Amino acid sequence: MFKNAFTVTAVLSAVMLSACAVLVSEATKFSDIPLEQVDQDTKVGYRATPSGFDIEVLYQKYQYAPETAAVGTACKSQLTSLAYDYADQKRRKITPIPEQRIKISFGRNGNNGMTSCRAFAPVRWQ
């Protein structure tokens, strides 16, 4: 009897651990650029390149029901806005960032309700 109870406990533990692993998925990192907190929901990082800079944004938002499209739109908007802000700080103009050049990935933590988005784009000086 004790052996069967141990087996049942082991199986239930394995199932619980695998369920927890399924509930958490992280958005894919596109670079090794260190990120700094910009606001409550956003982190950003920049890396200089010969023709401009690369930008990566991590945007996270609590959502009871996941709305990936809304998070994706906000994430891309933050990337674009922060790229222009960075260019202004450098007193340079940038070429428009085509949406097709923005790499984007999503993650969801079902334990705490956070939906995350990572966006990356190369930005070129004019």
N, C-alpha and C. Protein backbone atom coordinates (compact mmCIF):
# COMPACT_ATOMS: atom_id res chain seq x y z
N MET A 1 0.82 -1.19 0.00
CA MET A 1 0.00 0.00 0.00
C MET A 1 0.87 1.26 0.00
N PHE A 2 1.91 1.27 0.85
CA PHE A 2 2.78 2.44 0.93
C PHE A 2 3.49 2.68 -0.39
N LYS A 3 3.90 1.62 -1.06
CA LYS A 3 4.59 1.75 -2.35
C LYS A 3 3.67 2.39 -3.38
N ASN A 4 2.40 1.98 -3.42
CA ASN A 4 1.44 2.57 -4.36
C ASN A 4 1.17 4.03 -4.03
N ALA A 5 1.10 4.37 -2.75
CA ALA A 5 0.88 5.76 -2.35
C ALA A 5 2.06 6.62 -2.79
N PHE A 6 3.27 6.09 -2.66
CA PHE A 6 4.46 6.81 -3.09
C PHE A 6 4.43 7.02 -4.60
N THR A 7 4.05 6.02 -5.36
CA THR A 7 3.97 6.12 -6.82
C THR A 7 2.94 7.16 -7.23
N VAL A 8 1.79 7.14 -6.60
CA VAL A 8 0.74 8.11 -6.91
C VAL A 8 1.23 9.52 -6.61
N THR A 9 1.90 9.70 -5.47
CA THR A 9 2.43 11.02 -5.09
C THR A 9 3.47 11.49 -6.10
N ALA A 10 4.34 10.59 -6.52
CA ALA A 10 5.38 10.95 -7.50
C ALA A 10 4.76 11.35 -8.83
N VAL A 11 3.77 10.61 -9.27
CA VAL A 11 3.11 10.91 -10.54
C VAL A 11 2.39 12.25 -10.45
N LEU A 12 1.66 12.48 -9.37
CA LEU A 12 0.95 13.75 -9.20
C LEU A 12 1.93 14.93 -9.13
N SER A 13 3.04 14.74 -8.47
CA SER A 13 4.06 15.80 -8.40
C SER A 13 4.60 16.12 -9.79
N ALA A 14 4.87 15.10 -10.57
CA ALA A 14 5.38 15.31 -11.93
C ALA A 14 4.35 16.04 -12.79
N VAL A 15 3.10 15.66 -12.66
CA VAL A 15 2.04 16.32 -13.43
C VAL A 15 1.91 17.79 -13.02
N MET A 16 1.98 18.07 -11.72
CA MET A 16 1.86 19.45 -11.23
C MET A 16 3.03 20.29 -11.74
N LEU A 17 4.24 19.75 -11.69
CA LEU A 17 5.41 20.49 -12.18
C LEU A 17 5.32 20.76 -13.67
N SER A 18 4.88 19.78 -14.44
CA SER A 18 4.76 20.01 -15.87
C SER A 18 3.65 21.01 -16.17
N ALA A 19 2.60 21.02 -15.40
CA ALA A 19 1.52 22.01 -15.59
C ALA A 19 2.04 23.41 -15.32
N CYS A 20 2.86 23.56 -14.28
CA CYS A 20 3.44 24.88 -13.98
C CYS A 20 4.35 25.33 -15.11
N ALA A 21 5.10 24.41 -15.66
CA ALA A 21 6.01 24.77 -16.75
C ALA A 21 5.23 25.25 -17.98
N VAL A 22 4.08 24.68 -18.22
CA VAL A 22 3.27 25.07 -19.36
C VAL A 22 2.67 26.47 -19.16
N LEU A 23 2.41 26.84 -17.92
CA LEU A 23 1.78 28.12 -17.65
C LEU A 23 2.70 29.31 -17.87
N VAL A 24 4.00 29.08 -17.93
CA VAL A 24 4.95 30.17 -18.07
C VAL A 24 5.73 30.00 -19.36
N SER A 25 5.59 30.97 -20.26
CA SER A 25 6.40 30.98 -21.47
C SER A 25 6.96 32.39 -21.62
N GLU A 26 8.24 32.48 -21.89
CA GLU A 26 8.89 33.78 -22.00
C GLU A 26 8.97 34.20 -23.46
N ALA A 27 8.90 35.50 -23.67
CA ALA A 27 9.11 36.05 -25.00
C ALA A 27 10.59 35.86 -25.37
N THR A 28 10.86 35.48 -26.59
CA THR A 28 12.21 35.20 -27.06
C THR A 28 13.07 36.46 -27.08
N LYS A 29 14.29 36.35 -26.54
CA LYS A 29 15.25 37.44 -26.63
C LYS A 29 15.85 37.44 -28.03
N PHE A 30 16.03 38.63 -28.60
CA PHE A 30 16.61 38.73 -29.93
C PHE A 30 18.07 39.15 -29.89
N SER A 31 18.53 39.63 -28.73
CA SER A 31 19.90 40.12 -28.64
C SER A 31 20.38 39.99 -27.20
N ASP A 32 21.62 40.38 -26.99
CA ASP A 32 22.16 40.40 -25.63
C ASP A 32 22.25 41.83 -25.10
N ILE A 33 21.46 42.73 -25.68
CA ILE A 33 21.45 44.13 -25.26
C ILE A 33 20.87 44.21 -23.84
N PRO A 34 21.61 44.83 -22.90
CA PRO A 34 21.05 45.00 -21.56
C PRO A 34 19.88 45.98 -21.59
N LEU A 35 18.83 45.67 -20.84
CA LEU A 35 17.63 46.50 -20.83
C LEU A 35 17.54 47.31 -19.54
N GLU A 36 17.02 48.53 -19.66
CA GLU A 36 16.79 49.41 -18.53
C GLU A 36 15.30 49.74 -18.44
N GLN A 37 14.81 49.84 -17.22
CA GLN A 37 13.40 50.17 -16.98
C GLN A 37 13.11 51.59 -17.45
N VAL A 38 12.07 51.76 -18.27
CA VAL A 38 11.65 53.07 -18.76
C VAL A 38 10.41 53.54 -18.01
N ASP A 39 9.46 52.65 -17.86
CA ASP A 39 8.25 52.94 -17.10
C ASP A 39 7.77 51.64 -16.46
N GLN A 40 6.59 51.66 -15.89
CA GLN A 40 6.08 50.49 -15.17
C GLN A 40 6.02 49.24 -16.04
N ASP A 41 5.74 49.40 -17.33
CA ASP A 41 5.53 48.26 -18.21
C ASP A 41 6.66 47.99 -19.19
N THR A 42 7.63 48.90 -19.31
CA THR A 42 8.57 48.84 -20.43
C THR A 42 10.03 48.88 -19.99
N LYS A 43 10.82 48.02 -20.64
CA LYS A 43 12.28 48.07 -20.54
C LYS A 43 12.82 48.24 -21.95
N VAL A 44 13.95 48.95 -22.10
CA VAL A 44 14.53 49.18 -23.42
C VAL A 44 16.04 49.11 -23.35
N GLY A 45 16.64 48.73 -24.47
CA GLY A 45 18.10 48.73 -24.59
C GLY A 45 18.49 49.14 -26.00
N TYR A 46 19.66 49.77 -26.09
CA TYR A 46 20.17 50.25 -27.38
C TYR A 46 21.59 49.73 -27.57
N ARG A 47 21.96 49.49 -28.81
CA ARG A 47 23.34 49.12 -29.15
C ARG A 47 23.73 49.86 -30.42
N ALA A 48 24.80 50.63 -30.35
CA ALA A 48 25.26 51.38 -31.52
C ALA A 48 25.75 50.43 -32.61
N THR A 49 25.46 50.79 -33.86
CA THR A 49 25.96 50.07 -35.03
C THR A 49 26.60 51.11 -35.96
N PRO A 50 27.38 50.69 -36.94
CA PRO A 50 28.02 51.66 -37.83
C PRO A 50 27.02 52.57 -38.57
N SER A 51 25.82 52.06 -38.85
CA SER A 51 24.86 52.85 -39.61
C SER A 51 23.69 53.38 -38.79
N GLY A 52 23.73 53.16 -37.45
CA GLY A 52 22.63 53.62 -36.61
C GLY A 52 22.68 52.95 -35.26
N PHE A 53 21.61 52.23 -34.91
CA PHE A 53 21.57 51.51 -33.64
C PHE A 53 20.51 50.42 -33.71
N ASP A 54 20.68 49.43 -32.86
CA ASP A 54 19.66 48.41 -32.66
C ASP A 54 18.91 48.75 -31.39
N ILE A 55 17.63 48.43 -31.37
CA ILE A 55 16.81 48.68 -30.20
C ILE A 55 16.03 47.42 -29.87
N GLU A 56 15.95 47.10 -28.58
CA GLU A 56 15.13 45.99 -28.12
C GLU A 56 14.26 46.48 -26.98
N VAL A 57 12.98 46.10 -27.02
CA VAL A 57 12.01 46.52 -26.03
C VAL A 57 11.36 45.28 -25.42
N LEU A 58 11.19 45.30 -24.11
CA LEU A 58 10.41 44.29 -23.41
C LEU A 58 9.22 45.02 -22.79
N TYR A 59 8.03 44.64 -23.22
CA TYR A 59 6.79 45.27 -22.73
C TYR A 59 5.98 44.19 -22.03
N GLN A 60 5.59 44.44 -20.78
CA GLN A 60 4.81 43.47 -20.02
C GLN A 60 3.58 44.14 -19.42
N LYS A 61 2.47 43.43 -19.47
CA LYS A 61 1.21 44.00 -18.98
C LYS A 61 0.39 42.90 -18.32
N TYR A 62 -0.21 43.21 -17.18
CA TYR A 62 -1.13 42.27 -16.55
C TYR A 62 -2.42 42.23 -17.35
N GLN A 63 -2.87 41.02 -17.66
CA GLN A 63 -4.14 40.84 -18.36
C GLN A 63 -4.84 39.62 -17.81
N TYR A 64 -6.04 39.82 -17.34
CA TYR A 64 -6.82 38.68 -16.84
C TYR A 64 -7.06 37.69 -17.98
N ALA A 65 -7.51 38.23 -19.11
CA ALA A 65 -7.67 37.41 -20.32
C ALA A 65 -6.62 37.90 -21.32
N PRO A 66 -5.74 37.01 -21.78
CA PRO A 66 -4.67 37.45 -22.67
C PRO A 66 -5.18 38.07 -23.96
N GLU A 67 -4.67 39.25 -24.27
CA GLU A 67 -4.98 39.93 -25.52
C GLU A 67 -3.64 40.24 -26.20
N THR A 68 -3.12 39.25 -26.87
CA THR A 68 -1.80 39.36 -27.48
C THR A 68 -1.74 40.48 -28.50
N ALA A 69 -2.78 40.67 -29.28
CA ALA A 69 -2.77 41.72 -30.30
C ALA A 69 -2.61 43.10 -29.68
N ALA A 70 -3.31 43.35 -28.58
CA ALA A 70 -3.20 44.66 -27.92
C ALA A 70 -1.80 44.87 -27.35
N VAL A 71 -1.23 43.83 -26.75
CA VAL A 71 0.13 43.93 -26.22
C VAL A 71 1.13 44.13 -27.35
N GLY A 72 0.93 43.44 -28.45
CA GLY A 72 1.82 43.58 -29.61
C GLY A 72 1.80 44.99 -30.18
N THR A 73 0.61 45.56 -30.28
CA THR A 73 0.49 46.93 -30.80
C THR A 73 1.19 47.91 -29.87
N ALA A 74 0.97 47.77 -28.56
CA ALA A 74 1.62 48.66 -27.59
C ALA A 74 3.14 48.47 -27.61
N CYS A 75 3.58 47.25 -27.77
CA CYS A 75 5.01 46.94 -27.79
C CYS A 75 5.69 47.60 -29.00
N LYS A 76 5.10 47.45 -30.17
CA LYS A 76 5.66 48.07 -31.39
C LYS A 76 5.62 49.59 -31.29
N SER A 77 4.56 50.11 -30.70
CA SER A 77 4.44 51.55 -30.53
C SER A 77 5.55 52.07 -29.61
N GLN A 78 5.80 51.35 -28.52
CA GLN A 78 6.87 51.73 -27.60
C GLN A 78 8.23 51.68 -28.30
N LEU A 79 8.46 50.63 -29.08
CA LEU A 79 9.74 50.51 -29.80
C LEU A 79 9.95 51.71 -30.72
N THR A 80 8.95 52.05 -31.49
CA THR A 80 9.06 53.17 -32.43
C THR A 80 9.26 54.50 -31.70
N SER A 81 8.45 54.74 -30.69
CA SER A 81 8.54 55.98 -29.93
C SER A 81 9.91 56.12 -29.25
N LEU A 82 10.38 55.05 -28.62
CA LEU A 82 11.67 55.10 -27.93
C LEU A 82 12.83 55.24 -28.92
N ALA A 83 12.71 54.69 -30.11
CA ALA A 83 13.75 54.86 -31.14
C ALA A 83 13.86 56.33 -31.54
N TYR A 84 12.72 56.97 -31.73
CA TYR A 84 12.74 58.40 -32.09
C TYR A 84 13.25 59.26 -30.93
N ASP A 85 12.89 58.90 -29.70
CA ASP A 85 13.40 59.63 -28.53
C ASP A 85 14.92 59.51 -28.43
N TYR A 86 15.42 58.32 -28.66
CA TYR A 86 16.87 58.08 -28.61
C TYR A 86 17.58 58.89 -29.68
N ALA A 87 17.01 58.90 -30.88
CA ALA A 87 17.60 59.68 -31.98
C ALA A 87 17.59 61.17 -31.64
N ASP A 88 16.52 61.65 -31.04
CA ASP A 88 16.45 63.05 -30.62
C ASP A 88 17.55 63.37 -29.60
N GLN A 89 17.78 62.46 -28.66
CA GLN A 89 18.85 62.66 -27.68
C GLN A 89 20.21 62.77 -28.35
N LYS A 90 20.40 62.01 -29.43
CA LYS A 90 21.66 62.02 -30.17
C LYS A 90 21.70 63.15 -31.20
N ARG A 91 20.60 63.91 -31.30
CA ARG A 91 20.46 65.01 -32.27
C ARG A 91 20.70 64.53 -33.71
N ARG A 92 20.07 63.38 -33.99
CA ARG A 92 20.16 62.79 -35.32
C ARG A 92 18.76 62.44 -35.79
N LYS A 93 18.61 62.30 -37.09
CA LYS A 93 17.35 61.85 -37.69
C LYS A 93 17.51 60.38 -38.06
N ILE A 94 16.41 59.64 -37.99
CA ILE A 94 16.43 58.24 -38.40
C ILE A 94 15.48 58.03 -39.57
N THR A 95 15.75 56.96 -40.31
CA THR A 95 14.83 56.59 -41.38
C THR A 95 13.61 55.92 -40.74
N PRO A 96 12.46 56.02 -41.37
CA PRO A 96 11.28 55.33 -40.80
C PRO A 96 11.57 53.84 -40.63
N ILE A 97 11.02 53.28 -39.56
CA ILE A 97 11.23 51.86 -39.26
C ILE A 97 10.09 51.07 -39.90
N PRO A 98 10.39 50.29 -40.95
CA PRO A 98 9.31 49.50 -41.56
C PRO A 98 8.82 48.42 -40.59
N GLU A 99 7.53 48.27 -40.51
CA GLU A 99 6.96 47.28 -39.59
C GLU A 99 7.48 45.88 -39.88
N GLN A 100 7.80 45.60 -41.15
CA GLN A 100 8.30 44.28 -41.53
C GLN A 100 9.68 43.99 -40.95
N ARG A 101 10.40 45.03 -40.51
CA ARG A 101 11.74 44.85 -39.95
C ARG A 101 11.70 44.64 -38.43
N ILE A 102 10.55 44.82 -37.82
CA ILE A 102 10.43 44.65 -36.37
C ILE A 102 10.18 43.17 -36.07
N LYS A 103 11.12 42.57 -35.37
CA LYS A 103 10.95 41.18 -34.91
C LYS A 103 10.19 41.25 -33.60
N ILE A 104 9.24 40.33 -33.44
CA ILE A 104 8.40 40.38 -32.25
C ILE A 104 8.11 38.97 -31.75
N SER A 105 8.10 38.81 -30.43
CA SER A 105 7.72 37.52 -29.84
C SER A 105 6.92 37.78 -28.58
N PHE A 106 6.12 36.79 -28.19
CA PHE A 106 5.22 36.94 -27.06
C PHE A 106 5.45 35.84 -26.04
N GLY A 107 5.10 36.13 -24.80
CA GLY A 107 5.14 35.15 -23.72
C GLY A 107 3.98 35.39 -22.79
N ARG A 108 3.69 34.40 -21.99
CA ARG A 108 2.57 34.52 -21.05
C ARG A 108 2.90 33.76 -19.78
N ASN A 109 2.73 34.42 -18.65
CA ASN A 109 2.88 33.77 -17.36
C ASN A 109 1.48 33.58 -16.80
N GLY A 110 0.98 32.38 -16.90
CA GLY A 110 -0.37 32.08 -16.43
C GLY A 110 -0.50 32.13 -14.92
N ASN A 111 0.64 32.07 -14.21
CA ASN A 111 0.60 32.13 -12.74
C ASN A 111 0.27 33.53 -12.24
N ASN A 112 0.81 34.56 -12.91
CA ASN A 112 0.56 35.92 -12.42
C ASN A 112 -0.20 36.80 -13.42
N GLY A 113 -0.58 36.24 -14.57
CA GLY A 113 -1.40 36.97 -15.53
C GLY A 113 -0.64 37.97 -16.39
N MET A 114 0.68 37.88 -16.40
CA MET A 114 1.48 38.83 -17.20
C MET A 114 1.63 38.31 -18.63
N THR A 115 1.30 39.17 -19.59
CA THR A 115 1.57 38.91 -20.99
C THR A 115 2.77 39.78 -21.36
N SER A 116 3.75 39.18 -22.02
CA SER A 116 4.95 39.94 -22.35
C SER A 116 5.20 39.91 -23.85
N CYS A 117 5.87 40.95 -24.30
CA CYS A 117 6.22 41.07 -25.70
C CYS A 117 7.65 41.59 -25.78
N ARG A 118 8.44 41.02 -26.66
CA ARG A 118 9.77 41.54 -26.97
C ARG A 118 9.77 41.95 -28.42
N ALA A 119 10.31 43.13 -28.67
CA ALA A 119 10.41 43.63 -30.04
C ALA A 119 11.84 44.10 -30.26
N PHE A 120 12.34 43.87 -31.47
CA PHE A 120 13.71 44.24 -31.83
C PHE A 120 13.68 44.81 -33.24
N ALA A 121 14.48 45.85 -33.46
CA ALA A 121 14.58 46.42 -34.81
C ALA A 121 15.94 47.10 -35.00
N PRO A 122 16.49 46.98 -36.19
CA PRO A 122 17.67 47.79 -36.53
C PRO A 122 17.16 49.17 -36.99
N VAL A 123 17.81 50.21 -36.51
CA VAL A 123 17.40 51.58 -36.86
C VAL A 123 18.58 52.23 -37.57
N ARG A 124 18.29 52.93 -38.66
CA ARG A 124 19.35 53.55 -39.47
C ARG A 124 19.26 55.07 -39.40
N TRP A 125 20.43 55.70 -39.31
CA TRP A 125 20.49 57.17 -39.39
C TRP A 125 20.17 57.61 -40.80
N GLN A 126 19.62 58.82 -40.92
CA GLN A 126 19.38 59.39 -42.26
C GLN A 126 20.67 59.93 -42.80
